Amino acid sequence: MVYVINQEKQPLMPCHNVIARLLLKQGKAKVKSKTPFTIQLLYNTSSYIQDITLGMDTGSSKVGVAAVTEKSKVVYVSEITLRNDISEKLTRRGKY
């Protein structure tokens, strides 16, 4: 997924990597930032954006995140594994 901003530097809906690559190759966009990878369009567009609902499921060892549009289309999904070994590492370091 590639983040997109328009000429006025306002955020638009993200696009797929293939679309971003084609826009860059055709000269219709330029790279604005590499981390996170963001392109800026070089032509006028409408500032149409969709409402997105963000959902988070917090657990003891994993956190799930999802972004869904009003039509139940999933835009973003991720799962984050939390570290449970920090207290053990601090205890071991204190022994040294």
C-alpha atoms as a PDB file:
ATOM      1  CA  MET A   1       0.000   0.000   0.000  1.00  0.00           C
ATOM      2  CA  VAL A   2       1.322   3.435  -0.970  1.00  0.00           C
ATOM      3  CA  TYR A   3       0.184   6.687   0.608  1.00  0.00           C
ATOM      4  CA  VAL A   4      -0.903   9.448  -1.783  1.00  0.00           C
ATOM      5  CA  ILE A   5      -1.115  13.239  -1.398  1.00  0.00           C
ATOM      6  CA  ASN A   6      -2.457  15.723  -3.939  1.00  0.00           C
ATOM      7  CA  GLN A   7      -0.824  18.913  -5.234  1.00  0.00           C
ATOM      8  CA  GLU A   8      -2.007  20.895  -2.193  1.00  0.00           C
ATOM      9  CA  LYS A   9      -0.340  18.285   0.110  1.00  0.00           C
ATOM     10  CA  GLN A  10      -3.653  16.959   1.409  1.00  0.00           C
ATOM     11  CA  PRO A  11      -3.910  13.199   1.962  1.00  0.00           C
ATOM     12  CA  LEU A  12      -5.917  11.039  -0.419  1.00  0.00           C
ATOM     13  CA  MET A  13      -6.850   7.372  -0.245  1.00  0.00           C
ATOM     14  CA  PRO A  14      -3.849   5.011  -0.485  1.00  0.00           C
ATOM     15  CA  CYS A  15      -3.284   3.015  -3.655  1.00  0.00           C
ATOM     16  CA  HIS A  16      -1.685  -0.305  -4.554  1.00  0.00           C
ATOM     17  CA  ASN A  17       2.001  -0.590  -5.418  1.00  0.00           C
ATOM     18  CA  VAL A  18       1.258  -1.280  -9.103  1.00  0.00           C
ATOM     19  CA  ILE A  19      -0.777   1.918  -9.519  1.00  0.00           C
ATOM     20  CA  ALA A  20       1.912   3.980  -7.776  1.00  0.00           C
ATOM     21  CA  ARG A  21       4.616   2.467 -10.000  1.00  0.00           C
ATOM     22  CA  LEU A  22       2.632   3.326 -13.144  1.00  0.00           C
ATOM     23  CA  LEU A  23       2.021   6.909 -11.980  1.00  0.00           C
ATOM     24  CA  LEU A  24       5.730   7.370 -11.259  1.00  0.00           C
ATOM     25  CA  LYS A  25       6.763   5.853 -14.602  1.00  0.00           C
ATOM     26  CA  GLN A  26       4.325   8.064 -16.556  1.00  0.00           C
ATOM     27  CA  GLY A  27       5.540  11.207 -14.761  1.00  0.00           C
ATOM     28  CA  LYS A  28       2.167  11.868 -13.123  1.00  0.00           C
ATOM     29  CA  ALA A  29       3.582  11.590  -9.598  1.00  0.00           C
ATOM     30  CA  LYS A  30       6.800  12.067  -7.673  1.00  0.00           C
ATOM     31  CA  VAL A  31       8.196  10.454  -4.548  1.00  0.00           C
ATOM     32  CA  LYS A  32       7.548  12.691  -1.559  1.00  0.00           C
ATOM     33  CA  SER A  33       8.840  10.455   1.236  1.00  0.00           C
ATOM     34  CA  LYS A  34      10.560   7.091   1.371  1.00  0.00           C
ATOM     35  CA  THR A  35       9.586   6.202   4.948  1.00  0.00           C
ATOM     36  CA  PRO A  36       6.628   5.688   4.847  1.00  0.00           C
ATOM     37  CA  PHE A  37       6.610   5.533   1.057  1.00  0.00           C
ATOM     38  CA  THR A  38       4.433   8.433  -0.112  1.00  0.00           C
ATOM     39  CA  ILE A  39       3.845   9.847  -3.579  1.00  0.00           C
ATOM     40  CA  GLN A  40       2.565  13.288  -4.550  1.00  0.00           C
ATOM     41  CA  LEU A  41       0.371  13.649  -7.612  1.00  0.00           C
ATOM     42  CA  LEU A  42       1.455  16.242 -10.166  1.00  0.00           C
ATOM     43  CA  TYR A  43      -2.011  16.831 -11.654  1.00  0.00           C
ATOM     44  CA  ASN A  44      -5.246  18.270 -10.265  1.00  0.00           C
ATOM     45  CA  THR A  45      -7.619  15.821  -8.622  1.00  0.00           C
ATOM     46  CA  SER A  46     -10.707  16.063  -6.490  1.00  0.00           C
ATOM     47  CA  SER A  47     -10.078  15.712  -2.785  1.00  0.00           C
ATOM     48  CA  TYR A  48     -12.492  12.797  -2.473  1.00  0.00           C
ATOM     49  CA  ILE A  49     -11.782  10.624   0.536  1.00  0.00           C
ATOM     50  CA  GLN A  50     -13.745   7.785   2.101  1.00  0.00           C
ATOM     51  CA  ASP A  51     -14.788   7.342   5.708  1.00  0.00           C
ATOM     52  CA  ILE A  52     -12.789   4.546   7.279  1.00  0.00           C
ATOM     53  CA  THR A  53     -13.444   2.748  10.542  1.00  0.00           C
ATOM     54  CA  LEU A  54     -10.411   1.650  12.536  1.00  0.00           C
ATOM     55  CA  GLY A  55     -10.752  -1.422  14.718  1.00  0.00           C
ATOM     56  CA  MET A  56      -8.273  -2.684  17.305  1.00  0.00           C
ATOM     57  CA  ASP A  57      -8.331  -5.964  19.173  1.00  0.00           C
ATOM     58  CA  THR A  58      -5.961  -5.855  22.128  1.00  0.00           C
ATOM     59  CA  GLY A  59      -4.880  -9.142  23.577  1.00  0.00           C
ATOM     60  CA  SER A  60      -2.265 -10.252  26.074  1.00  0.00           C
ATOM     61  CA  SER A  61       0.333 -11.252  23.499  1.00  0.00           C
ATOM     62  CA  LYS A  62      -0.993  -9.946  20.156  1.00  0.00           C
ATOM     63  CA  VAL A  63      -2.737  -6.806  18.919  1.00  0.00           C
ATOM     64  CA  GLY A  64      -4.856  -6.874  15.779  1.00  0.00           C
ATOM     65  CA  VAL A  65      -5.559  -3.738  13.728  1.00  0.00           C
ATOM     66  CA  ALA A  66      -7.939  -3.364  10.767  1.00  0.00           C
ATOM     67  CA  ALA A  67      -9.250  -0.449   8.692  1.00  0.00           C
ATOM     68  CA  VAL A  68     -12.581  -1.001   6.922  1.00  0.00           C
ATOM     69  CA  THR A  69     -14.632   1.227   4.584  1.00  0.00           C
ATOM     70  CA  GLU A  70     -18.392   1.716   4.876  1.00  0.00           C
ATOM     71  CA  LYS A  71     -18.950  -0.999   2.245  1.00  0.00           C
ATOM     72  CA  SER A  72     -17.043  -3.527   4.407  1.00  0.00           C
ATOM     73  CA  LYS A  73     -13.997  -3.468   2.130  1.00  0.00           C
ATOM     74  CA  VAL A  74     -10.827  -4.144   4.116  1.00  0.00           C
ATOM     75  CA  VAL A  75      -8.188  -1.500   3.417  1.00  0.00           C
ATOM     76  CA  TYR A  76      -5.537  -2.456   5.980  1.00  0.00           C
ATOM     77  CA  VAL A  77      -4.944  -5.447   8.263  1.00  0.00           C
ATOM     78  CA  SER A  78      -2.032  -6.150  10.582  1.00  0.00           C
ATOM     79  CA  GLU A  79      -1.148  -8.236  13.598  1.00  0.00           C
ATOM     80  CA  ILE A  80       1.463  -7.097  16.094  1.00  0.00           C
ATOM     81  CA  THR A  81       3.182  -9.551  18.418  1.00  0.00           C
ATOM     82  CA  LEU A  82       4.109  -8.007  21.754  1.00  0.00           C
ATOM     83  CA  ARG A  83       7.346  -8.831  23.539  1.00  0.00           C
ATOM     84  CA  ASN A  84       7.011 -10.784  26.775  1.00  0.00           C
ATOM     85  CA  ASP A  85      10.708 -11.258  27.520  1.00  0.00           C
ATOM     86  CA  ILE A  86      11.667  -7.767  28.668  1.00  0.00           C
ATOM     87  CA  SER A  87      11.355  -8.406  32.419  1.00  0.00           C
ATOM     88  CA  GLU A  88      13.496 -11.538  32.103  1.00  0.00           C
ATOM     89  CA  LYS A  89      16.164  -9.646  30.188  1.00  0.00           C
ATOM     90  CA  LEU A  90      16.228  -6.839  32.776  1.00  0.00           C
ATOM     91  CA  THR A  91      16.550  -9.385  35.581  1.00  0.00           C
ATOM     92  CA  ARG A  92      19.428 -11.122  33.783  1.00  0.00           C
ATOM     93  CA  ARG A  93      21.158  -7.790  33.169  1.00  0.00           C
ATOM     94  CA  GLY A  94      20.820  -6.886  36.852  1.00  0.00           C
ATOM     95  CA  LYS A  95      22.583 -10.109  37.827  1.00  0.00           C
ATOM     96  CA  TYR A  96      25.629  -9.147  35.750  1.00  0.00           C
END
